[in-house]
Amino acid sequence: MQITLNGENRNVGNGISIRDLLIDLAHDPDRRGVAVAVNAEIVVRAKWSSTRLGSGDRVDIIAAVQGG
């Protein structure tokens, strides 16, 4: 199925959870400083495992970075 991930089209498995998507993308889902929005709605971390993505969903992953 196809989703839009951070503005780019991407094929993912049907019904993939947010947590599994993060793992597939080599993001540690337990790392602090990561936020996920699906269709412009923030999804709280406690629901990442139970939130399944659907075809056409727009997903934004924002990771805080430290710099100076």
N, C-alpha and C. Protein backbone atom coordinates (compact mmCIF):
# COMPACT_ATOMS: atom_id res chain seq x y z
N MET A 1 0.86 -1.16 0.00
CA MET A 1 0.00 0.00 0.00
C MET A 1 0.90 1.22 0.00
N GLN A 2 0.37 2.32 -0.48
CA GLN A 2 1.17 3.53 -0.60
C GLN A 2 0.73 4.58 0.41
N ILE A 3 1.73 5.19 1.07
CA ILE A 3 1.50 6.31 1.97
C ILE A 3 2.41 7.46 1.52
N THR A 4 2.18 8.62 2.08
CA THR A 4 3.09 9.74 1.88
C THR A 4 3.84 9.93 3.18
N LEU A 5 5.15 9.74 3.13
CA LEU A 5 6.00 9.82 4.32
C LEU A 5 6.89 11.05 4.19
N ASN A 6 6.69 12.00 5.08
CA ASN A 6 7.47 13.25 5.05
C ASN A 6 7.50 13.84 3.64
N GLY A 7 6.35 13.82 2.97
CA GLY A 7 6.21 14.45 1.67
C GLY A 7 6.59 13.60 0.47
N GLU A 8 7.04 12.35 0.70
CA GLU A 8 7.43 11.47 -0.41
C GLU A 8 6.60 10.20 -0.40
N ASN A 9 6.21 9.74 -1.59
CA ASN A 9 5.45 8.50 -1.68
C ASN A 9 6.32 7.32 -1.29
N ARG A 10 5.70 6.38 -0.58
CA ARG A 10 6.45 5.20 -0.12
C ARG A 10 5.49 4.02 -0.04
N ASN A 11 5.95 2.85 -0.47
CA ASN A 11 5.17 1.62 -0.34
C ASN A 11 5.52 0.95 0.98
N VAL A 12 4.49 0.54 1.70
CA VAL A 12 4.66 -0.16 2.98
C VAL A 12 3.69 -1.33 3.02
N GLY A 13 3.87 -2.21 3.99
CA GLY A 13 2.97 -3.35 4.14
C GLY A 13 1.57 -2.92 4.55
N ASN A 14 0.58 -3.64 4.10
CA ASN A 14 -0.82 -3.34 4.45
C ASN A 14 -1.02 -3.35 5.95
N GLY A 15 -1.64 -2.30 6.46
CA GLY A 15 -1.99 -2.25 7.87
C GLY A 15 -0.82 -2.14 8.82
N ILE A 16 0.33 -1.67 8.34
CA ILE A 16 1.51 -1.54 9.20
C ILE A 16 1.22 -0.55 10.33
N SER A 17 1.75 -0.83 11.50
CA SER A 17 1.58 0.08 12.63
C SER A 17 2.65 1.18 12.55
N ILE A 18 2.40 2.26 13.25
CA ILE A 18 3.40 3.33 13.30
C ILE A 18 4.70 2.79 13.89
N ARG A 19 4.60 2.02 14.95
CA ARG A 19 5.81 1.47 15.59
C ARG A 19 6.60 0.63 14.60
N ASP A 20 5.93 -0.25 13.86
CA ASP A 20 6.63 -1.10 12.88
C ASP A 20 7.22 -0.28 11.74
N LEU A 21 6.53 0.78 11.34
CA LEU A 21 7.08 1.66 10.31
C LEU A 21 8.38 2.29 10.79
N LEU A 22 8.38 2.78 12.02
CA LEU A 22 9.60 3.37 12.57
C LEU A 22 10.75 2.37 12.58
N ILE A 23 10.46 1.14 12.99
CA ILE A 23 11.49 0.10 13.02
C ILE A 23 11.99 -0.17 11.60
N ASP A 24 11.09 -0.27 10.63
CA ASP A 24 11.49 -0.50 9.23
C ASP A 24 12.38 0.62 8.72
N LEU A 25 12.18 1.82 9.23
CA LEU A 25 12.96 2.98 8.80
C LEU A 25 14.24 3.16 9.62
N ALA A 26 14.54 2.20 10.48
CA ALA A 26 15.73 2.22 11.35
C ALA A 26 15.67 3.35 12.38
N HIS A 27 14.46 3.72 12.78
CA HIS A 27 14.27 4.66 13.89
C HIS A 27 13.97 3.83 15.13
N ASP A 28 14.58 4.19 16.24
CA ASP A 28 14.28 3.52 17.50
C ASP A 28 12.97 4.10 18.04
N PRO A 29 11.88 3.31 18.06
CA PRO A 29 10.59 3.86 18.50
C PRO A 29 10.56 4.22 19.98
N ASP A 30 11.56 3.77 20.74
CA ASP A 30 11.61 4.10 22.16
C ASP A 30 12.45 5.34 22.44
N ARG A 31 13.08 5.88 21.40
CA ARG A 31 13.92 7.07 21.55
C ARG A 31 13.06 8.29 21.84
N ARG A 32 13.52 9.07 22.79
CA ARG A 32 12.83 10.32 23.11
C ARG A 32 13.08 11.33 22.00
N GLY A 33 12.21 12.30 21.87
CA GLY A 33 12.41 13.35 20.89
C GLY A 33 11.88 13.04 19.51
N VAL A 34 10.99 12.04 19.41
CA VAL A 34 10.39 11.69 18.12
C VAL A 34 8.88 11.92 18.23
N ALA A 35 8.33 12.56 17.22
CA ALA A 35 6.88 12.78 17.14
C ALA A 35 6.38 12.27 15.80
N VAL A 36 5.16 11.74 15.80
CA VAL A 36 4.56 11.22 14.57
C VAL A 36 3.16 11.81 14.42
N ALA A 37 2.88 12.27 13.21
CA ALA A 37 1.53 12.76 12.87
C ALA A 37 1.02 11.95 11.69
N VAL A 38 -0.25 11.58 11.75
CA VAL A 38 -0.92 10.89 10.64
C VAL A 38 -2.07 11.78 10.20
N ASN A 39 -2.04 12.16 8.94
CA ASN A 39 -3.07 13.06 8.39
C ASN A 39 -3.22 14.32 9.24
N ALA A 40 -2.07 14.89 9.61
CA ALA A 40 -1.97 16.15 10.36
C ALA A 40 -2.46 16.06 11.80
N GLU A 41 -2.62 14.84 12.33
CA GLU A 41 -3.01 14.65 13.73
C GLU A 41 -1.88 13.93 14.46
N ILE A 42 -1.38 14.54 15.54
CA ILE A 42 -0.32 13.91 16.33
C ILE A 42 -0.87 12.62 16.94
N VAL A 43 -0.07 11.56 16.87
CA VAL A 43 -0.43 10.28 17.49
C VAL A 43 0.47 10.11 18.71
N VAL A 44 -0.12 9.96 19.88
CA VAL A 44 0.68 9.81 21.09
C VAL A 44 1.43 8.49 21.06
N ARG A 45 2.61 8.50 21.64
CA ARG A 45 3.50 7.33 21.63
C ARG A 45 2.79 6.07 22.13
N ALA A 46 1.94 6.19 23.12
CA ALA A 46 1.24 5.02 23.68
C ALA A 46 0.37 4.32 22.65
N LYS A 47 0.03 5.00 21.55
CA LYS A 47 -0.83 4.40 20.53
C LYS A 47 -0.08 4.01 19.26
N TRP A 48 1.24 4.12 19.24
CA TRP A 48 2.01 3.78 18.05
C TRP A 48 1.86 2.32 17.65
N SER A 49 1.78 1.42 18.62
CA SER A 49 1.66 -0.01 18.29
C SER A 49 0.27 -0.36 17.78
N SER A 50 -0.74 0.34 18.25
CA SER A 50 -2.11 0.00 17.88
C SER A 50 -2.65 0.82 16.71
N THR A 51 -1.95 1.87 16.33
CA THR A 51 -2.42 2.70 15.21
C THR A 51 -1.92 2.12 13.89
N ARG A 52 -2.85 1.66 13.08
CA ARG A 52 -2.53 1.06 11.77
C ARG A 52 -2.71 2.11 10.68
N LEU A 53 -1.78 2.11 9.76
CA LEU A 53 -1.85 3.06 8.65
C LEU A 53 -2.71 2.50 7.53
N GLY A 54 -3.34 3.39 6.80
CA GLY A 54 -4.16 3.01 5.66
C GLY A 54 -3.60 3.60 4.38
N SER A 55 -4.01 3.04 3.27
CA SER A 55 -3.57 3.52 1.97
C SER A 55 -3.91 5.00 1.82
N GLY A 56 -2.94 5.77 1.38
CA GLY A 56 -3.14 7.20 1.18
C GLY A 56 -2.87 8.06 2.39
N ASP A 57 -2.59 7.44 3.54
CA ASP A 57 -2.31 8.24 4.74
C ASP A 57 -1.08 9.11 4.52
N ARG A 58 -1.10 10.28 5.14
CA ARG A 58 0.05 11.19 5.14
C ARG A 58 0.70 11.10 6.52
N VAL A 59 1.94 10.64 6.54
CA VAL A 59 2.66 10.43 7.79
C VAL A 59 3.85 11.38 7.84
N ASP A 60 3.98 12.07 8.96
CA ASP A 60 5.13 12.94 9.18
C ASP A 60 5.84 12.46 10.44
N ILE A 61 7.13 12.21 10.31
CA ILE A 61 7.97 11.82 11.44
C ILE A 61 8.93 12.97 11.68
N ILE A 62 8.91 13.48 12.90
CA ILE A 62 9.77 14.59 13.27
C ILE A 62 10.67 14.12 14.40
N ALA A 63 11.97 14.23 14.20
CA ALA A 63 12.94 13.84 15.22
C ALA A 63 13.72 15.07 15.64
N ALA A 64 13.76 15.32 16.93
CA ALA A 64 14.53 16.44 17.45
C ALA A 64 16.01 16.10 17.34
N VAL A 65 16.79 17.09 16.95
CA VAL A 65 18.24 16.92 16.89
C VAL A 65 18.89 18.02 17.70
N GLN A 66 20.02 17.67 18.26
CA GLN A 66 20.73 18.62 19.09
C GLN A 66 21.86 19.23 18.28
N GLY A 67 22.04 20.46 18.40
CA GLY A 67 23.11 21.11 17.65
C GLY A 67 23.49 22.42 18.30
N GLY A 68 24.40 23.08 17.65
CA GLY A 68 24.82 24.33 18.25
C GLY A 68 25.22 25.33 17.22
